[in-house]
Amino acid sequence: MSGVGLGAGAWIGLNPINSGQIVRGIANMADASSTFVVTYPQSIGTANYVLQLTISNLVDLTVKHLAATVTAKSATGFTFQTQQTTDHPNYKVEYVIIKL
């Protein structure tokens, strides 16, 4: 399992989030891993939210198709898995959170 952090300027939104407020972020995914933990810079105050993920790699010429499955979420972050391990350190998870 690999923890991932947020890049500079990736966190948008106020905390804790209000109903309907959108928070977004981008986190690096570690190389040679298939389980990832994203920790928010601060609590968003609830685990009652919709989480949409996209995995991207805009650097490497040949990339794997990595589908994300969320396995846990909380007010302080989420965990997801991919069916394959990453083969380069250039994968990122881009996410959007909408509080319900």
N, C-alpha and C. Protein backbone atom coordinates (compact mmCIF):
# COMPACT_ATOMS: atom_id res chain seq x y z
N MET A 1 0.85 -1.16 0.00
CA MET A 1 0.00 0.00 0.00
C MET A 1 0.90 1.22 0.00
N SER A 2 0.48 2.21 -0.76
CA SER A 2 1.31 3.40 -0.89
C SER A 2 0.48 4.65 -0.59
N GLY A 3 1.01 5.52 0.24
CA GLY A 3 0.36 6.79 0.49
C GLY A 3 0.73 7.78 -0.60
N VAL A 4 -0.19 8.63 -0.93
CA VAL A 4 0.09 9.66 -1.92
C VAL A 4 -0.26 11.00 -1.35
N GLY A 5 0.44 12.01 -1.75
CA GLY A 5 0.20 13.35 -1.24
C GLY A 5 -0.29 14.27 -2.33
N LEU A 6 -0.70 15.41 -1.94
CA LEU A 6 -1.20 16.39 -2.90
C LEU A 6 -0.05 17.25 -3.40
N GLY A 7 -0.07 17.55 -4.67
CA GLY A 7 0.90 18.47 -5.24
C GLY A 7 0.57 19.90 -4.86
N ALA A 8 1.51 20.77 -5.03
CA ALA A 8 1.30 22.18 -4.68
C ALA A 8 0.15 22.76 -5.49
N GLY A 9 -0.73 23.46 -4.82
CA GLY A 9 -1.83 24.12 -5.49
C GLY A 9 -2.96 23.21 -5.93
N ALA A 10 -2.95 21.93 -5.49
CA ALA A 10 -3.94 20.99 -5.96
C ALA A 10 -5.26 21.06 -5.18
N TRP A 11 -5.23 21.60 -3.98
CA TRP A 11 -6.42 21.59 -3.13
C TRP A 11 -7.23 22.87 -3.34
N ILE A 12 -8.52 22.70 -3.67
CA ILE A 12 -9.42 23.83 -3.88
C ILE A 12 -10.63 23.64 -2.98
N GLY A 13 -11.09 24.67 -2.33
CA GLY A 13 -12.31 24.57 -1.55
C GLY A 13 -12.10 24.96 -0.10
N LEU A 14 -13.21 25.20 0.58
CA LEU A 14 -13.20 25.54 1.99
C LEU A 14 -13.48 24.29 2.80
N ASN A 15 -13.05 24.26 4.05
CA ASN A 15 -13.27 23.08 4.89
C ASN A 15 -13.91 23.50 6.19
N PRO A 16 -14.83 22.74 6.76
CA PRO A 16 -15.44 21.59 6.12
C PRO A 16 -16.35 22.03 4.98
N ILE A 17 -16.56 21.14 4.03
CA ILE A 17 -17.34 21.53 2.85
C ILE A 17 -18.82 21.57 3.17
N ASN A 18 -19.52 22.46 2.51
CA ASN A 18 -20.96 22.59 2.65
C ASN A 18 -21.64 21.70 1.63
N SER A 19 -22.89 21.37 1.88
CA SER A 19 -23.65 20.52 0.95
C SER A 19 -23.61 21.12 -0.45
N GLY A 20 -23.26 20.32 -1.43
CA GLY A 20 -23.20 20.76 -2.81
C GLY A 20 -21.88 21.39 -3.20
N GLN A 21 -21.03 21.71 -2.25
CA GLN A 21 -19.73 22.31 -2.55
C GLN A 21 -18.82 21.27 -3.19
N ILE A 22 -18.03 21.70 -4.14
CA ILE A 22 -17.13 20.81 -4.86
C ILE A 22 -15.70 21.06 -4.40
N VAL A 23 -14.98 19.98 -4.10
CA VAL A 23 -13.57 20.03 -3.77
C VAL A 23 -12.87 19.15 -4.78
N ARG A 24 -11.69 19.57 -5.23
CA ARG A 24 -10.97 18.76 -6.21
C ARG A 24 -9.50 18.70 -5.83
N GLY A 25 -8.82 17.70 -6.37
CA GLY A 25 -7.41 17.57 -6.08
C GLY A 25 -6.73 16.63 -7.05
N ILE A 26 -5.41 16.64 -7.02
CA ILE A 26 -4.58 15.76 -7.82
C ILE A 26 -3.52 15.19 -6.90
N ALA A 27 -3.32 13.87 -6.95
CA ALA A 27 -2.32 13.22 -6.11
C ALA A 27 -1.46 12.31 -6.97
N ASN A 28 -0.18 12.24 -6.65
CA ASN A 28 0.74 11.34 -7.34
C ASN A 28 0.48 9.91 -6.88
N MET A 29 0.64 8.96 -7.80
CA MET A 29 0.52 7.54 -7.48
C MET A 29 1.92 6.92 -7.51
N ALA A 30 2.24 6.16 -6.50
CA ALA A 30 3.56 5.54 -6.40
C ALA A 30 3.76 4.49 -7.48
N ASP A 31 5.01 4.28 -7.88
CA ASP A 31 5.37 3.26 -8.86
C ASP A 31 5.27 1.87 -8.22
N ALA A 32 4.89 0.88 -9.03
CA ALA A 32 4.85 -0.54 -8.63
C ALA A 32 3.90 -0.81 -7.47
N SER A 33 2.76 -0.13 -7.47
CA SER A 33 1.77 -0.33 -6.42
C SER A 33 0.39 -0.47 -7.05
N SER A 34 -0.54 -1.08 -6.33
CA SER A 34 -1.92 -1.19 -6.80
C SER A 34 -2.93 -0.73 -5.74
N THR A 35 -2.46 -0.36 -4.57
CA THR A 35 -3.32 0.19 -3.52
C THR A 35 -2.76 1.54 -3.11
N PHE A 36 -3.64 2.53 -3.04
CA PHE A 36 -3.20 3.91 -2.80
C PHE A 36 -4.07 4.57 -1.75
N VAL A 37 -3.46 5.37 -0.90
CA VAL A 37 -4.17 6.12 0.12
C VAL A 37 -3.95 7.60 -0.15
N VAL A 38 -5.03 8.34 -0.29
CA VAL A 38 -4.95 9.80 -0.46
C VAL A 38 -5.42 10.43 0.84
N THR A 39 -4.61 11.31 1.40
CA THR A 39 -4.95 12.02 2.62
C THR A 39 -5.14 13.49 2.28
N TYR A 40 -6.29 14.03 2.67
CA TYR A 40 -6.57 15.44 2.43
C TYR A 40 -5.69 16.30 3.34
N PRO A 41 -5.36 17.52 2.93
CA PRO A 41 -4.55 18.41 3.77
C PRO A 41 -5.22 18.75 5.09
N GLN A 42 -6.56 18.70 5.10
CA GLN A 42 -7.31 18.89 6.33
C GLN A 42 -8.65 18.20 6.16
N SER A 43 -9.29 17.89 7.26
CA SER A 43 -10.56 17.18 7.22
C SER A 43 -11.60 17.99 6.45
N ILE A 44 -12.45 17.28 5.69
CA ILE A 44 -13.55 17.97 5.01
C ILE A 44 -14.83 17.89 5.83
N GLY A 45 -14.75 17.25 7.02
CA GLY A 45 -15.85 17.29 7.97
C GLY A 45 -16.91 16.22 7.80
N THR A 46 -16.80 15.35 6.80
CA THR A 46 -17.81 14.31 6.58
C THR A 46 -17.26 13.23 5.67
N ALA A 47 -17.86 12.05 5.77
CA ALA A 47 -17.57 10.97 4.81
C ALA A 47 -18.74 10.78 3.88
N ASN A 48 -19.74 11.66 3.98
CA ASN A 48 -20.95 11.58 3.16
C ASN A 48 -20.78 12.43 1.91
N TYR A 49 -20.07 11.89 0.92
CA TYR A 49 -19.81 12.62 -0.30
C TYR A 49 -19.67 11.67 -1.49
N VAL A 50 -19.85 12.21 -2.67
CA VAL A 50 -19.61 11.48 -3.91
C VAL A 50 -18.16 11.73 -4.29
N LEU A 51 -17.47 10.68 -4.68
CA LEU A 51 -16.06 10.76 -5.05
C LEU A 51 -15.91 10.26 -6.48
N GLN A 52 -15.40 11.09 -7.35
CA GLN A 52 -15.17 10.71 -8.75
C GLN A 52 -13.67 10.74 -9.01
N LEU A 53 -13.11 9.62 -9.53
CA LEU A 53 -11.68 9.51 -9.78
C LEU A 53 -11.38 9.35 -11.26
N THR A 54 -10.27 9.92 -11.68
CA THR A 54 -9.70 9.69 -13.01
C THR A 54 -8.21 9.46 -12.82
N ILE A 55 -7.68 8.43 -13.48
CA ILE A 55 -6.26 8.18 -13.43
C ILE A 55 -5.64 8.67 -14.74
N SER A 56 -4.56 9.44 -14.62
CA SER A 56 -3.92 10.00 -15.81
C SER A 56 -2.42 9.75 -15.79
N ASN A 57 -1.84 9.74 -16.97
CA ASN A 57 -0.38 9.68 -17.16
C ASN A 57 -0.10 10.41 -18.46
N LEU A 58 0.33 11.64 -18.37
CA LEU A 58 0.56 12.48 -19.55
C LEU A 58 2.02 12.51 -19.97
N VAL A 59 2.86 11.66 -19.37
CA VAL A 59 4.30 11.68 -19.61
C VAL A 59 4.76 10.49 -20.46
N ASP A 60 4.38 9.30 -20.06
CA ASP A 60 4.89 8.09 -20.70
C ASP A 60 4.18 7.81 -22.02
N LEU A 61 4.90 7.27 -23.00
CA LEU A 61 4.33 6.96 -24.31
C LEU A 61 3.42 5.75 -24.26
N THR A 62 3.77 4.75 -23.48
CA THR A 62 2.95 3.56 -23.33
C THR A 62 2.47 3.51 -21.89
N VAL A 63 1.14 3.44 -21.71
CA VAL A 63 0.58 3.45 -20.36
C VAL A 63 -0.41 2.29 -20.21
N LYS A 64 -0.60 1.87 -18.98
CA LYS A 64 -1.60 0.85 -18.66
C LYS A 64 -2.96 1.51 -18.48
N HIS A 65 -4.00 0.77 -18.78
CA HIS A 65 -5.36 1.22 -18.46
C HIS A 65 -5.62 0.79 -17.02
N LEU A 66 -5.68 1.74 -16.11
CA LEU A 66 -5.86 1.46 -14.70
C LEU A 66 -7.22 1.99 -14.26
N ALA A 67 -8.13 1.09 -13.94
CA ALA A 67 -9.43 1.48 -13.42
C ALA A 67 -9.35 1.50 -11.90
N ALA A 68 -9.91 2.53 -11.30
CA ALA A 68 -9.85 2.69 -9.84
C ALA A 68 -11.12 2.18 -9.19
N THR A 69 -10.96 1.46 -8.07
CA THR A 69 -12.07 1.05 -7.23
C THR A 69 -11.83 1.61 -5.84
N VAL A 70 -12.75 2.44 -5.37
CA VAL A 70 -12.63 3.02 -4.03
C VAL A 70 -12.96 1.94 -3.01
N THR A 71 -12.08 1.75 -2.03
CA THR A 71 -12.29 0.72 -1.01
C THR A 71 -12.56 1.31 0.37
N ALA A 72 -12.31 2.59 0.55
CA ALA A 72 -12.62 3.26 1.82
C ALA A 72 -12.62 4.76 1.60
N LYS A 73 -13.46 5.46 2.36
CA LYS A 73 -13.42 6.92 2.35
C LYS A 73 -13.82 7.43 3.72
N SER A 74 -13.25 8.59 4.06
CA SER A 74 -13.51 9.20 5.36
C SER A 74 -13.44 10.72 5.19
N ALA A 75 -13.56 11.43 6.28
CA ALA A 75 -13.47 12.89 6.25
C ALA A 75 -12.05 13.36 6.00
N THR A 76 -11.08 12.47 6.15
CA THR A 76 -9.68 12.86 6.00
C THR A 76 -9.00 12.26 4.77
N GLY A 77 -9.72 11.47 3.97
CA GLY A 77 -9.12 10.91 2.76
C GLY A 77 -9.85 9.70 2.25
N PHE A 78 -9.22 8.99 1.31
CA PHE A 78 -9.82 7.79 0.74
C PHE A 78 -8.72 6.82 0.31
N THR A 79 -9.13 5.57 0.13
CA THR A 79 -8.24 4.51 -0.36
C THR A 79 -8.85 3.94 -1.62
N PHE A 80 -8.00 3.65 -2.61
CA PHE A 80 -8.49 3.00 -3.82
C PHE A 80 -7.47 1.98 -4.30
N GLN A 81 -7.98 1.05 -5.11
CA GLN A 81 -7.14 0.00 -5.69
C GLN A 81 -7.29 0.01 -7.21
N THR A 82 -6.26 -0.47 -7.88
CA THR A 82 -6.30 -0.70 -9.32
C THR A 82 -6.07 -2.19 -9.57
N GLN A 83 -6.53 -2.70 -10.69
CA GLN A 83 -6.41 -4.12 -10.98
C GLN A 83 -5.00 -4.52 -11.38
N GLN A 84 -4.16 -3.55 -11.73
CA GLN A 84 -2.76 -3.79 -12.08
C GLN A 84 -1.89 -2.81 -11.28
N THR A 85 -0.62 -3.15 -11.15
CA THR A 85 0.29 -2.21 -10.51
C THR A 85 0.73 -1.16 -11.52
N THR A 86 1.08 -0.01 -11.02
CA THR A 86 1.63 1.04 -11.88
C THR A 86 3.01 0.61 -12.35
N ASP A 87 3.38 1.02 -13.56
CA ASP A 87 4.68 0.64 -14.12
C ASP A 87 5.60 1.83 -14.33
N HIS A 88 5.15 3.00 -13.91
CA HIS A 88 5.94 4.22 -13.98
C HIS A 88 5.51 5.12 -12.82
N PRO A 89 6.35 6.04 -12.38
CA PRO A 89 5.96 6.95 -11.30
C PRO A 89 5.19 8.17 -11.80
N ASN A 90 4.73 8.15 -13.05
CA ASN A 90 4.09 9.33 -13.64
C ASN A 90 2.56 9.28 -13.63
N TYR A 91 1.97 8.29 -12.98
CA TYR A 91 0.51 8.22 -12.87
C TYR A 91 0.04 9.17 -11.77
N LYS A 92 -1.12 9.76 -12.00
CA LYS A 92 -1.74 10.65 -11.02
C LYS A 92 -3.21 10.29 -10.90
N VAL A 93 -3.77 10.49 -9.73
CA VAL A 93 -5.20 10.37 -9.56
C VAL A 93 -5.76 11.78 -9.43
N GLU A 94 -6.74 12.07 -10.25
CA GLU A 94 -7.44 13.36 -10.22
C GLU A 94 -8.82 13.06 -9.64
N TYR A 95 -9.22 13.84 -8.63
CA TYR A 95 -10.48 13.53 -7.99
C TYR A 95 -11.33 14.77 -7.75
N VAL A 96 -12.64 14.51 -7.69
CA VAL A 96 -13.63 15.53 -7.39
C VAL A 96 -14.52 14.98 -6.28
N ILE A 97 -14.76 15.81 -5.28
CA ILE A 97 -15.63 15.45 -4.16
C ILE A 97 -16.82 16.40 -4.16
N ILE A 98 -18.02 15.84 -4.05
CA ILE A 98 -19.25 16.64 -3.89
C ILE A 98 -19.95 16.16 -2.65
N LYS A 99 -20.08 17.03 -1.66
CA LYS A 99 -20.76 16.65 -0.42
C LYS A 99 -22.24 16.46 -0.69
N LEU A 100 -22.80 15.40 -0.11
CA LEU A 100 -24.24 15.12 -0.26
C LEU A 100 -25.04 15.87 0.77
